[in-house]
């Protein structure tokens, strides 16, 4: 995940921060005026880019790498 910060878009970082705050996909969608399906897509993409198997691991890695 060392190069992840360089590869995450501003939108991905924004969603990652909201996920870390405990927002659900529907809450994030409402906050950002996007569809829930779009948020689900972003979350899958974030998991892949962070090389994490689940949300908890993704958040842990993001904290360790000072992304959030």
N, C-alpha and C. Protein backbone atom coordinates (compact mmCIF):
# COMPACT_ATOMS: atom_id res chain seq x y z
N UNK A 1 0.82 -1.20 0.00
CA UNK A 1 0.00 0.00 0.00
C UNK A 1 0.86 1.26 0.00
N UNK A 2 2.13 1.12 -0.09
CA UNK A 2 3.02 2.27 -0.04
C UNK A 2 2.75 3.31 -1.11
N UNK A 3 2.38 2.91 -2.30
CA UNK A 3 2.12 3.86 -3.38
C UNK A 3 0.65 4.23 -3.50
N UNK A 4 -0.16 3.75 -2.57
CA UNK A 4 -1.60 3.96 -2.67
C UNK A 4 -1.98 5.43 -2.64
N UNK A 5 -1.33 6.21 -1.80
CA UNK A 5 -1.69 7.62 -1.70
C UNK A 5 -1.57 8.31 -3.05
N UNK A 6 -0.59 7.92 -3.81
CA UNK A 6 -0.40 8.52 -5.13
C UNK A 6 -1.44 8.05 -6.14
N UNK A 7 -2.01 6.87 -5.91
CA UNK A 7 -2.94 6.34 -6.88
C UNK A 7 -4.40 6.59 -6.52
N UNK A 8 -4.68 6.99 -5.29
CA UNK A 8 -6.06 7.29 -4.91
C UNK A 8 -6.44 8.68 -5.40
N UNK A 9 -7.63 8.77 -5.97
CA UNK A 9 -8.13 10.07 -6.40
C UNK A 9 -8.64 10.84 -5.19
N UNK A 10 -8.87 12.12 -5.38
CA UNK A 10 -9.42 12.94 -4.30
C UNK A 10 -10.78 12.40 -3.86
N UNK A 11 -11.59 11.95 -4.81
CA UNK A 11 -12.91 11.39 -4.48
C UNK A 11 -12.76 10.11 -3.67
N UNK A 12 -11.82 9.27 -4.06
CA UNK A 12 -11.58 8.03 -3.31
C UNK A 12 -11.13 8.33 -1.88
N UNK A 13 -10.25 9.31 -1.72
CA UNK A 13 -9.81 9.70 -0.38
C UNK A 13 -10.98 10.24 0.44
N UNK A 14 -11.84 11.01 -0.20
CA UNK A 14 -13.01 11.56 0.47
C UNK A 14 -13.93 10.43 0.96
N UNK A 15 -14.15 9.45 0.12
CA UNK A 15 -14.99 8.32 0.49
C UNK A 15 -14.32 7.48 1.57
N UNK A 16 -13.03 7.28 1.46
CA UNK A 16 -12.28 6.54 2.47
C UNK A 16 -12.41 7.21 3.84
N UNK A 17 -12.32 8.52 3.88
CA UNK A 17 -12.47 9.25 5.15
C UNK A 17 -13.87 9.07 5.73
N UNK A 18 -14.87 9.10 4.87
CA UNK A 18 -16.25 8.92 5.36
C UNK A 18 -16.47 7.50 5.86
N UNK A 19 -15.91 6.53 5.17
CA UNK A 19 -16.00 5.13 5.61
C UNK A 19 -15.36 5.01 6.99
N UNK A 20 -14.20 5.63 7.15
CA UNK A 20 -13.49 5.56 8.43
C UNK A 20 -14.28 6.23 9.55
N UNK A 21 -15.09 7.19 9.22
CA UNK A 21 -15.95 7.86 10.22
C UNK A 21 -17.19 7.04 10.55
N UNK A 22 -17.38 5.94 9.84
CA UNK A 22 -18.50 5.06 10.13
C UNK A 22 -19.73 5.27 9.27
N UNK A 23 -19.61 6.07 8.24
CA UNK A 23 -20.74 6.29 7.34
C UNK A 23 -21.03 5.02 6.55
N UNK A 24 -22.30 4.74 6.34
CA UNK A 24 -22.71 3.62 5.49
C UNK A 24 -22.69 4.09 4.03
N UNK A 25 -22.77 3.15 3.11
CA UNK A 25 -22.81 3.52 1.70
C UNK A 25 -23.97 4.46 1.37
N UNK A 26 -25.20 4.18 1.87
CA UNK A 26 -26.30 5.11 1.59
C UNK A 26 -26.05 6.51 2.19
N UNK A 27 -25.43 6.58 3.36
CA UNK A 27 -25.14 7.88 3.96
C UNK A 27 -24.09 8.64 3.14
N UNK A 28 -23.09 7.92 2.67
CA UNK A 28 -22.07 8.55 1.83
C UNK A 28 -22.69 9.04 0.54
N UNK A 29 -23.53 8.20 -0.05
CA UNK A 29 -24.20 8.58 -1.30
C UNK A 29 -25.02 9.85 -1.12
N UNK A 30 -25.74 9.93 -0.03
CA UNK A 30 -26.55 11.13 0.23
C UNK A 30 -25.65 12.35 0.46
N UNK A 31 -24.61 12.18 1.23
CA UNK A 31 -23.69 13.27 1.54
C UNK A 31 -23.03 13.83 0.28
N UNK A 32 -22.65 12.95 -0.63
CA UNK A 32 -21.93 13.36 -1.84
C UNK A 32 -22.83 13.49 -3.07
N UNK A 33 -24.12 13.31 -2.88
CA UNK A 33 -25.08 13.39 -3.98
C UNK A 33 -24.73 12.43 -5.12
N UNK A 34 -24.41 11.19 -4.72
CA UNK A 34 -24.14 10.12 -5.67
C UNK A 34 -25.09 8.96 -5.38
N UNK A 35 -25.15 8.00 -6.28
CA UNK A 35 -26.00 6.83 -6.04
C UNK A 35 -25.30 5.85 -5.11
N UNK A 36 -26.08 5.04 -4.43
CA UNK A 36 -25.51 4.00 -3.56
C UNK A 36 -24.67 3.02 -4.37
N UNK A 37 -25.10 2.74 -5.59
CA UNK A 37 -24.33 1.84 -6.46
C UNK A 37 -22.96 2.41 -6.78
N UNK A 38 -22.89 3.71 -6.99
CA UNK A 38 -21.61 4.35 -7.25
C UNK A 38 -20.69 4.23 -6.04
N UNK A 39 -21.24 4.41 -4.86
CA UNK A 39 -20.44 4.30 -3.64
C UNK A 39 -19.96 2.86 -3.46
N UNK A 40 -20.83 1.91 -3.73
CA UNK A 40 -20.42 0.50 -3.64
C UNK A 40 -19.26 0.23 -4.59
N UNK A 41 -19.31 0.79 -5.78
CA UNK A 41 -18.24 0.63 -6.76
C UNK A 41 -16.94 1.23 -6.22
N UNK A 42 -17.04 2.45 -5.67
CA UNK A 42 -15.86 3.10 -5.09
C UNK A 42 -15.27 2.26 -3.96
N UNK A 43 -16.13 1.72 -3.11
CA UNK A 43 -15.63 0.93 -1.98
C UNK A 43 -14.89 -0.32 -2.45
N UNK A 44 -15.41 -0.98 -3.48
CA UNK A 44 -14.72 -2.15 -4.03
C UNK A 44 -13.38 -1.74 -4.62
N UNK A 45 -13.37 -0.63 -5.30
CA UNK A 45 -12.13 -0.12 -5.90
C UNK A 45 -11.11 0.22 -4.81
N UNK A 46 -11.58 0.85 -3.73
CA UNK A 46 -10.68 1.18 -2.61
C UNK A 46 -10.09 -0.08 -1.98
N UNK A 47 -10.92 -1.08 -1.77
CA UNK A 47 -10.42 -2.34 -1.20
C UNK A 47 -9.32 -2.92 -2.09
N UNK A 48 -9.55 -2.88 -3.38
CA UNK A 48 -8.57 -3.41 -4.32
C UNK A 48 -7.28 -2.60 -4.30
N UNK A 49 -7.40 -1.29 -4.38
CA UNK A 49 -6.22 -0.43 -4.39
C UNK A 49 -5.42 -0.53 -3.09
N UNK A 50 -6.13 -0.69 -1.98
CA UNK A 50 -5.46 -0.80 -0.67
C UNK A 50 -4.97 -2.22 -0.40
N UNK A 51 -5.32 -3.12 -1.29
CA UNK A 51 -4.98 -4.54 -1.13
C UNK A 51 -5.48 -5.06 0.21
N UNK A 52 -6.72 -4.71 0.53
CA UNK A 52 -7.35 -5.12 1.78
C UNK A 52 -8.48 -6.10 1.48
N UNK A 53 -8.71 -6.99 2.42
CA UNK A 53 -9.77 -7.99 2.24
C UNK A 53 -11.11 -7.53 2.79
N UNK A 54 -11.11 -6.54 3.66
CA UNK A 54 -12.35 -6.04 4.22
C UNK A 54 -12.19 -4.59 4.65
N UNK A 55 -13.29 -3.97 5.05
CA UNK A 55 -13.28 -2.56 5.39
C UNK A 55 -12.38 -2.26 6.59
N UNK A 56 -12.43 -3.10 7.60
CA UNK A 56 -11.61 -2.88 8.79
C UNK A 56 -10.12 -2.86 8.43
N UNK A 57 -9.71 -3.81 7.61
CA UNK A 57 -8.31 -3.86 7.20
C UNK A 57 -7.94 -2.63 6.36
N UNK A 58 -8.86 -2.21 5.49
CA UNK A 58 -8.63 -1.03 4.67
C UNK A 58 -8.41 0.21 5.53
N UNK A 59 -9.24 0.37 6.54
CA UNK A 59 -9.12 1.53 7.43
C UNK A 59 -7.81 1.45 8.21
N UNK A 60 -7.48 0.28 8.70
CA UNK A 60 -6.23 0.08 9.44
C UNK A 60 -5.04 0.47 8.57
N UNK A 61 -5.01 -0.01 7.34
CA UNK A 61 -3.93 0.31 6.42
C UNK A 61 -3.89 1.81 6.08
N UNK A 62 -5.06 2.39 5.94
CA UNK A 62 -5.13 3.83 5.63
C UNK A 62 -4.57 4.66 6.79
N UNK A 63 -4.86 4.25 8.02
CA UNK A 63 -4.32 4.96 9.18
C UNK A 63 -2.81 4.77 9.25
N UNK A 64 -2.36 3.53 9.10
CA UNK A 64 -0.92 3.24 9.15
C UNK A 64 -0.13 4.00 8.09
N UNK A 65 -0.75 4.22 6.94
CA UNK A 65 -0.09 4.92 5.84
C UNK A 65 -0.42 6.41 5.79
N UNK A 66 -1.04 6.89 6.87
CA UNK A 66 -1.37 8.31 7.04
C UNK A 66 -2.20 8.89 5.89
N UNK A 67 -3.12 8.06 5.39
CA UNK A 67 -4.04 8.53 4.36
C UNK A 67 -5.23 9.25 5.00
N UNK A 68 -5.52 8.86 6.23
CA UNK A 68 -6.63 9.47 6.96
C UNK A 68 -6.17 9.82 8.36
